[in-house]
C-alpha atoms as a PDB file:
ATOM      1  CA  MET A   1       0.193  -0.203   0.029  1.00  0.00           C
ATOM      2  CA  ASN A   2       3.390   2.648  -0.778  1.00  0.00           C
ATOM      3  CA  ASP A   3       1.678   3.117  -3.908  1.00  0.00           C
ATOM      4  CA  LEU A   4      -0.702   6.512  -3.065  1.00  0.00           C
ATOM      5  CA  SER A   5      -2.098   5.963  -6.593  1.00  0.00           C
ATOM      6  CA  LEU A   6      -2.519   2.012  -6.046  1.00  0.00           C
ATOM      7  CA  LEU A   7      -4.435   2.912  -2.409  1.00  0.00           C
ATOM      8  CA  ALA A   8      -6.436   5.598  -4.181  1.00  0.00           C
ATOM      9  CA  ASP A   9      -8.192   2.950  -6.147  1.00  0.00           C
ATOM     10  CA  HIS A  10      -8.168   0.578  -3.984  1.00  0.00           C
ATOM     11  CA  LEU A  11     -10.383   2.222  -1.731  1.00  0.00           C
ATOM     12  CA  GLU A  12     -12.711   3.158  -4.521  1.00  0.00           C
ATOM     13  CA  GLU A  13     -12.773   0.141  -5.712  1.00  0.00           C
ATOM     14  CA  ALA A  14     -14.434  -1.371  -2.069  1.00  0.00           C
ATOM     15  CA  ARG A  15     -16.389   1.865  -1.519  1.00  0.00           C
ATOM     16  CA  LYS A  16     -18.174   0.915  -4.878  1.00  0.00           C
ATOM     17  CA  VAL A  17     -18.837  -2.730  -3.272  1.00  0.00           C
ATOM     18  CA  LEU A  18     -20.027  -1.513   0.320  1.00  0.00           C
ATOM     19  CA  ARG A  19     -22.302   1.285  -1.264  1.00  0.00           C
ATOM     20  CA  SER A  20     -23.819  -0.665  -3.969  1.00  0.00           C
ATOM     21  CA  ALA A  21     -24.702  -3.666  -0.587  1.00  0.00           C
ATOM     22  CA  MET A  22     -25.663  -1.100   1.599  1.00  0.00           C
ATOM     23  CA  THR A  23     -29.367   0.116   1.983  1.00  0.00           C
ATOM     24  CA  LEU A  24     -28.820   3.538   4.082  1.00  0.00           C
ATOM     25  CA  LYS A  25     -26.168   6.513   4.253  1.00  0.00           C
ATOM     26  CA  PRO A  26     -25.041   6.417   8.027  1.00  0.00           C
ATOM     27  CA  ARG A  27     -22.871   9.492   9.287  1.00  0.00           C
ATOM     28  CA  CYS A  28     -21.668   7.773  12.452  1.00  0.00           C
ATOM     29  CA  ALA A  29     -19.655   3.808  12.904  1.00  0.00           C
ATOM     30  CA  LEU A  30     -18.812   2.154  15.633  1.00  0.00           C
ATOM     31  CA  ILE A  31     -15.982  -0.909  15.929  1.00  0.00           C
ATOM     32  CA  LEU A  32     -16.766  -3.236  18.199  1.00  0.00           C
ATOM     33  CA  GLY A  33     -13.494  -4.983  20.421  1.00  0.00           C
ATOM     34  CA  THR A  34     -13.279  -7.868  22.048  1.00  0.00           C
ATOM     35  CA  GLY A  35     -15.863  -9.397  23.739  1.00  0.00           C
ATOM     36  CA  LEU A  36     -18.481  -6.439  22.987  1.00  0.00           C
ATOM     37  CA  GLY A  37     -19.616  -7.969  19.450  1.00  0.00           C
ATOM     38  CA  ALA A  38     -23.038  -8.917  21.019  1.00  0.00           C
ATOM     39  CA  VAL A  39     -23.657  -4.548  21.219  1.00  0.00           C
ATOM     40  CA  ALA A  40     -24.411  -5.161  17.447  1.00  0.00           C
ATOM     41  CA  GLU A  41     -27.615  -7.190  18.919  1.00  0.00           C
ATOM     42  CA  ALA A  42     -28.792  -4.039  19.954  1.00  0.00           C
ATOM     43  CA  MET A  43     -29.186  -2.611  16.466  1.00  0.00           C
ATOM     44  CA  THR A  44     -31.994  -2.714  14.261  1.00  0.00           C
ATOM     45  CA  VAL A  45     -30.052  -4.991  11.668  1.00  0.00           C
ATOM     46  CA  HIS A  46     -31.065  -3.911   7.578  1.00  0.00           C
ATOM     47  CA  GLY A  47     -28.074  -5.476   6.189  1.00  0.00           C
ATOM     48  CA  HIS A  48     -24.678  -6.799   6.751  1.00  0.00           C
ATOM     49  CA  LEU A  49     -21.343  -7.744   4.204  1.00  0.00           C
ATOM     50  CA  ASP A  50     -18.436  -9.769   5.459  1.00  0.00           C
ATOM     51  CA  TYR A  51     -15.424  -7.926   5.147  1.00  0.00           C
ATOM     52  CA  ARG A  52     -14.050 -11.037   3.129  1.00  0.00           C
ATOM     53  CA  ALA A  53     -16.701  -9.603   0.614  1.00  0.00           C
ATOM     54  CA  VAL A  54     -15.320  -6.099   0.849  1.00  0.00           C
ATOM     55  CA  PRO A  55     -12.406  -6.245  -2.000  1.00  0.00           C
ATOM     56  CA  HIS A  56      -8.786  -5.503  -0.123  1.00  0.00           C
ATOM     57  CA  HIS A  57     -10.362  -5.124   2.863  1.00  0.00           C
ATOM     58  CA  PRO A  58      -8.386  -6.565   6.007  1.00  0.00           C
ATOM     59  CA  VAL A  59     -10.305  -9.817   7.919  1.00  0.00           C
ATOM     60  CA  SER A  60      -9.928 -10.690  11.333  1.00  0.00           C
ATOM     61  CA  THR A  61      -8.166 -13.375  12.624  1.00  0.00           C
ATOM     62  CA  VAL A  62      -9.247 -13.081  16.392  1.00  0.00           C
ATOM     63  CA  GLU A  63     -11.882 -15.623  16.794  1.00  0.00           C
ATOM     64  CA  SER A  64     -13.771 -13.105  19.615  1.00  0.00           C
ATOM     65  CA  HIS A  65     -14.366 -10.971  16.334  1.00  0.00           C
ATOM     66  CA  ARG A  66     -16.437 -11.552  13.819  1.00  0.00           C
ATOM     67  CA  GLY A  67     -15.616  -9.661  11.335  1.00  0.00           C
ATOM     68  CA  ARG A  68     -18.371  -8.084   9.260  1.00  0.00           C
ATOM     69  CA  TYR A  69     -20.212  -5.206   8.452  1.00  0.00           C
ATOM     70  CA  LEU A  70     -23.633  -3.948   9.807  1.00  0.00           C
ATOM     71  CA  TRP A  71     -26.177  -0.699   8.660  1.00  0.00           C
ATOM     72  CA  GLY A  72     -28.981  -0.576  10.566  1.00  0.00           C
ATOM     73  CA  THR A  73     -30.581   1.965  13.011  1.00  0.00           C
ATOM     74  CA  TRP A  74     -29.770   2.430  16.794  1.00  0.00           C
ATOM     75  CA  ALA A  75     -31.983   4.388  18.645  1.00  0.00           C
ATOM     76  CA  GLY A  76     -33.389   5.952  16.162  1.00  0.00           C
ATOM     77  CA  VAL A  77     -29.613   6.915  14.175  1.00  0.00           C
ATOM     78  CA  GLU A  78     -28.493   5.169  11.163  1.00  0.00           C
ATOM     79  CA  ILE A  79     -25.388   3.628  11.876  1.00  0.00           C
ATOM     80  CA  LEU A  80     -22.916   1.211  10.467  1.00  0.00           C
ATOM     81  CA  ALA A  81     -21.422  -0.980  12.932  1.00  0.00           C
ATOM     82  CA  LEU A  82     -17.805  -3.005  12.373  1.00  0.00           C
ATOM     83  CA  GLN A  83     -18.410  -5.955  14.347  1.00  0.00           C
ATOM     84  CA  GLY A  84     -14.187  -6.571  14.409  1.00  0.00           C
ATOM     85  CA  ARG A  85     -11.150  -5.010  14.417  1.00  0.00           C
ATOM     86  CA  PHE A  86      -7.485  -5.898  13.054  1.00  0.00           C
ATOM     87  CA  HIS A  87      -4.221  -5.704  15.136  1.00  0.00           C
ATOM     88  CA  LEU A  88      -0.722  -5.010  14.570  1.00  0.00           C
ATOM     89  CA  TYR A  89      -0.287  -8.542  16.359  1.00  0.00           C
ATOM     90  CA  GLU A  90      -2.273  -9.945  13.555  1.00  0.00           C
ATOM     91  CA  GLY A  91       0.886  -9.242  11.599  1.00  0.00           C
ATOM     92  CA  TYR A  92      -1.085  -6.495   9.405  1.00  0.00           C
ATOM     93  CA  SER A  93       0.417  -3.261   8.715  1.00  0.00           C
ATOM     94  CA  PRO A  94      -0.738   0.118   9.878  1.00  0.00           C
ATOM     95  CA  ALA A  95      -2.002   0.773   6.650  1.00  0.00           C
ATOM     96  CA  GLU A  96      -3.875  -2.449   6.642  1.00  0.00           C
ATOM     97  CA  ILE A  97      -5.832  -1.376   9.752  1.00  0.00           C
ATOM     98  CA  SER A  98      -6.604   1.874   8.921  1.00  0.00           C
ATOM     99  CA  PHE A  99      -7.949   0.877   5.439  1.00  0.00           C
ATOM    100  CA  PRO A 100     -11.630   0.816   7.144  1.00  0.00           C
ATOM    101  CA  ILE A 101     -11.084   3.626   8.848  1.00  0.00           C
ATOM    102  CA  ARG A 102     -10.217   5.623   5.175  1.00  0.00           C
ATOM    103  CA  LEU A 103     -13.169   3.548   3.659  1.00  0.00           C
ATOM    104  CA  MET A 104     -15.343   4.379   6.053  1.00  0.00           C
ATOM    105  CA  ALA A 105     -14.675   8.304   5.690  1.00  0.00           C
ATOM    106  CA  ARG A 106     -14.899   7.968   1.586  1.00  0.00           C
ATOM    107  CA  LEU A 107     -18.774   6.900   2.598  1.00  0.00           C
ATOM    108  CA  GLY A 108     -19.492   9.714   4.380  1.00  0.00           C
ATOM    109  CA  ILE A 109     -18.937   8.825   8.094  1.00  0.00           C
ATOM    110  CA  LYS A 110     -18.350  11.621  10.369  1.00  0.00           C
ATOM    111  CA  VAL A 111     -18.150  10.606  13.453  1.00  0.00           C
ATOM    112  CA  LEU A 112     -16.692   7.715  14.858  1.00  0.00           C
ATOM    113  CA  LEU A 113     -17.141   5.157  18.148  1.00  0.00           C
ATOM    114  CA  LEU A 114     -14.790   3.125  19.424  1.00  0.00           C
ATOM    115  CA  SER A 115     -14.950   0.398  21.960  1.00  0.00           C
ATOM    116  CA  ASN A 116     -12.475  -1.983  23.192  1.00  0.00           C
ATOM    117  CA  ALA A 117     -11.805  -4.358  25.885  1.00  0.00           C
ATOM    118  CA  ALA A 118      -8.384  -3.060  28.258  1.00  0.00           C
ATOM    119  CA  GLY A 119      -6.844  -4.138  31.581  1.00  0.00           C
ATOM    120  CA  GLY A 120      -6.641  -1.744  34.074  1.00  0.00           C
ATOM    121  CA  LEU A 121      -3.624   0.126  34.894  1.00  0.00           C
ATOM    122  CA  ASN A 122      -5.559   2.804  37.349  1.00  0.00           C
ATOM    123  CA  PRO A 123      -5.927   1.317  40.283  1.00  0.00           C
ATOM    124  CA  LEU A 124      -8.793   2.677  41.506  1.00  0.00           C
ATOM    125  CA  PHE A 125     -10.411   1.089  38.569  1.00  0.00           C
ATOM    126  CA  HIS A 126     -12.610  -2.135  38.964  1.00  0.00           C
ATOM    127  CA  PRO A 127     -13.107  -4.825  36.416  1.00  0.00           C
ATOM    128  CA  GLY A 128     -16.440  -4.441  34.821  1.00  0.00           C
ATOM    129  CA  ASP A 129     -16.105  -0.401  34.729  1.00  0.00           C
ATOM    130  CA  LEU A 130     -16.373   1.733  31.166  1.00  0.00           C
ATOM    131  CA  MET A 131     -13.705   4.361  31.217  1.00  0.00           C
ATOM    132  CA  LEU A 132     -13.823   7.475  28.725  1.00  0.00           C
ATOM    133  CA  ILE A 133     -10.774   7.697  26.764  1.00  0.00           C
ATOM    134  CA  THR A 134      -9.826  11.187  26.877  1.00  0.00           C
ATOM    135  CA  ASP A 135      -5.846  10.543  25.212  1.00  0.00           C
ATOM    136  CA  HIS A 136      -3.682   8.007  24.338  1.00  0.00           C
ATOM    137  CA  ILE A 137      -0.421   7.243  24.399  1.00  0.00           C
ATOM    138  CA  ASN A 138       1.410   5.353  21.093  1.00  0.00           C
ATOM    139  CA  PHE A 139       3.424   2.765  22.481  1.00  0.00           C
ATOM    140  CA  THR A 140       2.988   0.316  19.630  1.00  0.00           C
ATOM    141  CA  GLY A 141       6.119   1.937  18.013  1.00  0.00           C
ATOM    142  CA  ARG A 142       4.218   2.045  14.809  1.00  0.00           C
ATOM    143  CA  ASN A 143       2.205   4.734  13.020  1.00  0.00           C
ATOM    144  CA  PRO A 144      -0.176   4.478  10.156  1.00  0.00           C
ATOM    145  CA  LEU A 145       1.020   8.021   8.517  1.00  0.00           C
ATOM    146  CA  VAL A 146       4.446   6.328   8.172  1.00  0.00           C
ATOM    147  CA  GLY A 147       5.367   7.335   4.401  1.00  0.00           C
ATOM    148  CA  PRO A 148       4.222   9.259   1.121  1.00  0.00           C
ATOM    149  CA  ASN A 149       0.884  11.281   2.287  1.00  0.00           C
ATOM    150  CA  LEU A 150      -1.720  11.161   0.213  1.00  0.00           C
ATOM    151  CA  ASP A 151      -3.152  14.574   0.189  1.00  0.00           C
ATOM    152  CA  ALA A 152      -7.161  13.862  -0.478  1.00  0.00           C
ATOM    153  CA  LEU A 153      -6.935  11.354   2.951  1.00  0.00           C
ATOM    154  CA  GLY A 154      -5.789  14.033   5.307  1.00  0.00           C
ATOM    155  CA  PRO A 155      -2.902  16.542   6.092  1.00  0.00           C
ATOM    156  CA  ARG A 156       0.809  15.236   6.015  1.00  0.00           C
ATOM    157  CA  PHE A 157       0.579  16.393   9.953  1.00  0.00           C
ATOM    158  CA  PRO A 158      -2.489  16.249  11.256  1.00  0.00           C
ATOM    159  CA  ASP A 159      -2.838  17.589  14.438  1.00  0.00           C
ATOM    160  CA  MET A 160      -3.395  15.509  17.632  1.00  0.00           C
ATOM    161  CA  SER A 161      -4.072  17.940  20.501  1.00  0.00           C
ATOM    162  CA  GLU A 162      -8.112  16.403  20.444  1.00  0.00           C
ATOM    163  CA  PRO A 163      -7.808  13.191  19.207  1.00  0.00           C
ATOM    164  CA  TYR A 164     -10.953  12.110  21.192  1.00  0.00           C
ATOM    165  CA  SER A 165     -13.142  15.090  20.552  1.00  0.00           C
ATOM    166  CA  ARG A 166     -13.775  16.727  23.754  1.00  0.00           C
ATOM    167  CA  ARG A 167     -17.938  17.848  22.862  1.00  0.00           C
ATOM    168  CA  LEU A 168     -18.559  13.730  22.414  1.00  0.00           C
ATOM    169  CA  GLN A 169     -16.850  13.395  26.018  1.00  0.00           C
ATOM    170  CA  ASP A 170     -19.531  16.137  27.409  1.00  0.00           C
ATOM    171  CA  ILE A 171     -22.060  14.361  25.946  1.00  0.00           C
ATOM    172  CA  ALA A 172     -20.995  10.626  26.979  1.00  0.00           C
ATOM    173  CA  ARG A 173     -20.256  12.761  30.585  1.00  0.00           C
ATOM    174  CA  GLN A 174     -23.729  13.807  30.434  1.00  0.00           C
ATOM    175  CA  GLU A 175     -25.543  11.142  29.553  1.00  0.00           C
ATOM    176  CA  ALA A 176     -23.814   8.743  31.998  1.00  0.00           C
ATOM    177  CA  LEU A 177     -24.798  10.887  34.410  1.00  0.00           C
ATOM    178  CA  ARG A 178     -28.707  10.852  33.733  1.00  0.00           C
ATOM    179  CA  ALA A 179     -28.460   7.177  33.627  1.00  0.00           C
ATOM    180  CA  GLY A 180     -26.910   6.413  36.522  1.00  0.00           C
ATOM    181  CA  ILE A 181     -23.902   4.756  34.720  1.00  0.00           C
ATOM    182  CA  ARG A 182     -20.711   5.374  36.222  1.00  0.00           C
ATOM    183  CA  LEU A 183     -18.262   6.551  33.738  1.00  0.00           C
ATOM    184  CA  ARG A 184     -14.229   6.780  34.354  1.00  0.00           C
ATOM    185  CA  GLU A 185     -12.096   8.773  32.513  1.00  0.00           C
ATOM    186  CA  GLY A 186      -8.818   8.141  31.528  1.00  0.00           C
ATOM    187  CA  VAL A 187      -5.710   7.647  29.088  1.00  0.00           C
ATOM    188  CA  TYR A 188      -5.125   4.600  26.943  1.00  0.00           C
ATOM    189  CA  VAL A 189      -1.997   2.980  25.968  1.00  0.00           C
ATOM    190  CA  GLY A 190      -1.485   1.069  23.056  1.00  0.00           C
ATOM    191  CA  VAL A 191       0.959  -1.780  23.178  1.00  0.00           C
ATOM    192  CA  LEU A 192       2.150  -3.554  20.019  1.00  0.00           C
ATOM    193  CA  GLY A 193       1.255  -7.474  21.948  1.00  0.00           C
ATOM    194  CA  PRO A 194       0.045 -10.035  21.947  1.00  0.00           C
ATOM    195  CA  SER A 195       1.906 -10.862  24.586  1.00  0.00           C
ATOM    196  CA  MET A 196       0.158  -9.680  28.049  1.00  0.00           C
ATOM    197  CA  GLU A 197       2.262  -6.511  30.390  1.00  0.00           C
ATOM    198  CA  THR A 198       4.865  -8.098  32.682  1.00  0.00           C
ATOM    199  CA  ALA A 199       4.724  -6.655  35.748  1.00  0.00           C
ATOM    200  CA  ALA A 200       7.865  -4.463  35.065  1.00  0.00           C
ATOM    201  CA  GLU A 201       5.736  -3.053  32.262  1.00  0.00           C
ATOM    202  CA  THR A 202       2.992  -2.016  34.167  1.00  0.00           C
ATOM    203  CA  ARG A 203       4.519  -0.479  36.285  1.00  0.00           C
ATOM    204  CA  PHE A 204       6.545   1.617  33.437  1.00  0.00           C
ATOM    205  CA  LEU A 205       3.234   2.537  31.822  1.00  0.00           C
ATOM    206  CA  ARG A 206       1.081   3.527  34.792  1.00  0.00           C
ATOM    207  CA  ALA A 207       3.930   6.023  35.187  1.00  0.00           C
ATOM    208  CA  ALA A 208       3.718   7.134  31.582  1.00  0.00           C
ATOM    209  CA  GLY A 209       0.431   8.538  32.563  1.00  0.00           C
ATOM    210  CA  ALA A 210      -1.498   5.555  31.334  1.00  0.00           C
ATOM    211  CA  ASP A 211      -5.053   4.421  32.761  1.00  0.00           C
ATOM    212  CA  ALA A 212      -5.305   1.108  31.119  1.00  0.00           C
ATOM    213  CA  VAL A 213      -3.693  -0.655  28.430  1.00  0.00           C
ATOM    214  CA  GLY A 214      -4.598  -2.008  24.970  1.00  0.00           C
ATOM    215  CA  MET A 215      -3.316  -3.924  22.220  1.00  0.00           C
ATOM    216  CA  SER A 216      -5.763  -1.818  19.294  1.00  0.00           C
ATOM    217  CA  THR A 217      -7.568   1.933  18.854  1.00  0.00           C
ATOM    218  CA  VAL A 218      -4.468   3.931  18.193  1.00  0.00           C
ATOM    219  CA  THR A 219      -3.711   3.155  14.601  1.00  0.00           C
ATOM    220  CA  GLU A 220      -7.523   3.928  14.290  1.00  0.00           C
ATOM    221  CA  VAL A 221      -7.913   7.301  15.677  1.00  0.00           C
ATOM    222  CA  ILE A 222      -5.097   8.210  14.304  1.00  0.00           C
ATOM    223  CA  ALA A 223      -5.938   7.492  10.952  1.00  0.00           C
ATOM    224  CA  ALA A 224      -9.377   8.715  11.677  1.00  0.00           C
ATOM    225  CA  VAL A 225      -8.204  12.052  13.139  1.00  0.00           C
ATOM    226  CA  HIS A 226      -6.003  12.010   9.763  1.00  0.00           C
ATOM    227  CA  ALA A 227      -9.572  11.890   7.873  1.00  0.00           C
ATOM    228  CA  GLY A 228     -11.226  14.680   9.625  1.00  0.00           C
ATOM    229  CA  LEU A 229     -13.612  12.346  11.799  1.00  0.00           C
ATOM    230  CA  GLU A 230     -14.548  13.427  15.062  1.00  0.00           C
ATOM    231  CA  VAL A 231     -13.859  10.269  17.611  1.00  0.00           C
ATOM    232  CA  LEU A 232     -15.869   9.138  20.867  1.00  0.00           C
ATOM    233  CA  GLY A 233     -13.866   6.411  22.692  1.00  0.00           C
ATOM    234  CA  ILE A 234     -14.737   4.355  25.131  1.00  0.00           C
ATOM    235  CA  SER A 235     -13.338   0.896  27.335  1.00  0.00           C
ATOM    236  CA  VAL A 236     -14.506  -1.930  28.828  1.00  0.00           C
ATOM    237  CA  ILE A 237     -11.905  -2.599  31.948  1.00  0.00           C
ATOM    238  CA  SER A 238     -11.475  -5.873  31.467  1.00  0.00           C
ATOM    239  CA  ASN A 239      -9.369  -6.478  34.979  1.00  0.00           C
ATOM    240  CA  VAL A 240      -7.072  -4.391  36.601  1.00  0.00           C
ATOM    241  CA  ASN A 241      -3.147  -4.915  36.796  1.00  0.00           C
ATOM    242  CA  ARG A 242      -2.109  -4.907  39.670  1.00  0.00           C
ATOM    243  CA  PRO A 243       2.141  -4.961  39.907  1.00  0.00           C
ATOM    244  CA  ASP A 244       2.600  -6.216  43.450  1.00  0.00           C
ATOM    245  CA  CYS A 245       0.254  -8.948  43.328  1.00  0.00           C
ATOM    246  CA  TYR A 246       0.311  -9.858  39.880  1.00  0.00           C
ATOM    247  CA  GLU A 247      -2.310 -12.304  38.313  1.00  0.00           C
ATOM    248  CA  PRO A 248      -2.292 -13.833  35.029  1.00  0.00           C
ATOM    249  CA  VAL A 249      -5.372 -12.713  32.762  1.00  0.00           C
ATOM    250  CA  PRO A 250      -6.624 -15.247  30.639  1.00  0.00           C
ATOM    251  CA  LEU A 251      -8.541 -14.335  27.458  1.00  0.00           C
ATOM    252  CA  GLU A 252     -11.178 -16.201  27.867  1.00  0.00           C
ATOM    253  CA  GLN A 253     -11.461 -13.897  31.427  1.00  0.00           C
ATOM    254  CA  VAL A 254     -11.462 -10.804  29.340  1.00  0.00           C
ATOM    255  CA  ILE A 255     -14.202 -11.680  27.062  1.00  0.00           C
ATOM    256  CA  ARG A 256     -16.545 -12.732  30.262  1.00  0.00           C
ATOM    257  CA  THR A 257     -15.850  -9.318  31.837  1.00  0.00           C
ATOM    258  CA  ALA A 258     -15.966  -7.404  28.674  1.00  0.00           C
ATOM    259  CA  SER A 259     -19.820  -9.457  27.509  1.00  0.00           C
ATOM    260  CA  ALA A 260     -21.078  -8.792  31.200  1.00  0.00           C
ATOM    261  CA  SER A 261     -19.899  -4.911  30.568  1.00  0.00           C
ATOM    262  CA  GLY A 262     -21.083  -5.046  27.310  1.00  0.00           C
ATOM    263  CA  PRO A 263     -25.374  -3.729  28.016  1.00  0.00           C
ATOM    264  CA  LEU A 264     -23.761  -0.971  30.250  1.00  0.00           C
ATOM    265  CA  LEU A 265     -22.005   0.079  27.255  1.00  0.00           C
ATOM    266  CA  MET A 266     -25.034  -0.489  25.005  1.00  0.00           C
ATOM    267  CA  ALA A 267     -27.063   1.822  27.414  1.00  0.00           C
ATOM    268  CA  LEU A 268     -24.841   4.277  27.234  1.00  0.00           C
ATOM    269  CA  LEU A 269     -24.304   4.704  23.503  1.00  0.00           C
ATOM    270  CA  GLU A 270     -28.116   4.448  23.126  1.00  0.00           C
ATOM    271  CA  ARG A 271     -28.574   7.386  25.017  1.00  0.00           C
ATOM    272  CA  ALA A 272     -25.845   9.260  23.559  1.00  0.00           C
ATOM    273  CA  LEU A 273     -26.777   8.634  20.227  1.00  0.00           C
ATOM    274  CA  PRO A 274     -29.188  10.800  19.207  1.00  0.00           C
ATOM    275  CA  ARG A 275     -26.863  13.652  20.575  1.00  0.00           C
ATOM    276  CA  ILE A 276     -24.256  12.451  18.419  1.00  0.00           C
ATOM    277  CA  SER A 277     -25.703  12.347  15.680  1.00  0.00           C
ATOM    278  CA  LYS A 278     -26.935  15.947  15.385  1.00  0.00           C
ATOM    279  CA  ILE A 279     -22.919  16.731  15.534  1.00  0.00           C
ATOM    280  CA  ALA A 280     -22.373  14.056  12.120  1.00  0.00           C
ATOM    281  CA  GLU A 281     -24.882  15.222  10.631  1.00  0.00           C
ATOM    282  CA  GLY A 282     -23.756  19.164  10.891  1.00  0.00           C
ATOM    283  CA  LYS A 283     -27.158  20.597  12.945  1.00  0.00           C
ATOM    284  CA  PRO A 284     -26.902  22.488  15.586  1.00  0.00           C
ATOM    285  CA  ASN A 285     -26.169  20.247  18.760  1.00  0.00           C
ATOM    286  CA  ASP A 286     -27.027  20.605  22.446  1.00  0.00           C
ATOM    287  CA  ALA A 287     -23.621  18.798  23.919  1.00  0.00           C
ATOM    288  CA  GLU A 288     -22.711  21.922  26.385  1.00  0.00           C
ATOM    289  CA  ASN A 289     -26.182  22.228  28.142  1.00  0.00           C
ATOM    290  CA  PRO A 290     -25.625  21.635  31.303  1.00  0.00           C
ATOM    291  CA  VAL A 291     -27.439  18.307  32.862  1.00  0.00           C
END
């Protein structure tokens, strides 16, 4: 994908296939993380398409990721959902992971909602908590914008002073407060994986200012900001890493905890979506109104 003209052609081929299949023209999209695929059950699904059917599209190799696009309505809002994502540890390049993000921008998506399962680093957190991502640290050692830049996709040096939209964060905070949902806040650090962090690495990441750690999200967010999308990110805290009493965290436990918190995440997003959709459609919004 270093050939920029080839990338542009691949994106257009993928856009035509997905657009021809879709019966809606949503402006909001949702990426579902590990153990959170069932969130899609809250949608009224109008149609779906497997990633394999989209030209040049990566496919999910992680068992808990279904690997398809869903489109439909949720809380009265037209939405496109990605049931499964891609990770550097699977062997994908940052450019390949960014492909769906750039494709969604080509489809007219304006707001991207991201969910993930993350290990808690903040000792005040508890398994099952929701954490509003206020910022991130990229410790993957990779960046999807390395190499020649295609101006049609975004600027050479995108500003990252607000990677997670403050006005979308305000909506999430307000709706969580109205619903009585405890919403933690913090910095997400993305690491390469797939090995879990050691106790020493956990101490280091916490000292660096991170509140939660995971193996996804940061590459997607960089690509989304580059493409001009507004981003809201929420982590489900699957476990809390306490380096002085470190315990193994099997993937099955991560999936169980994330799945158990799925209804809480659904409730928050369902309340926030109607207000978020106004932003996506460029309409006046009430994000600044007090609760």
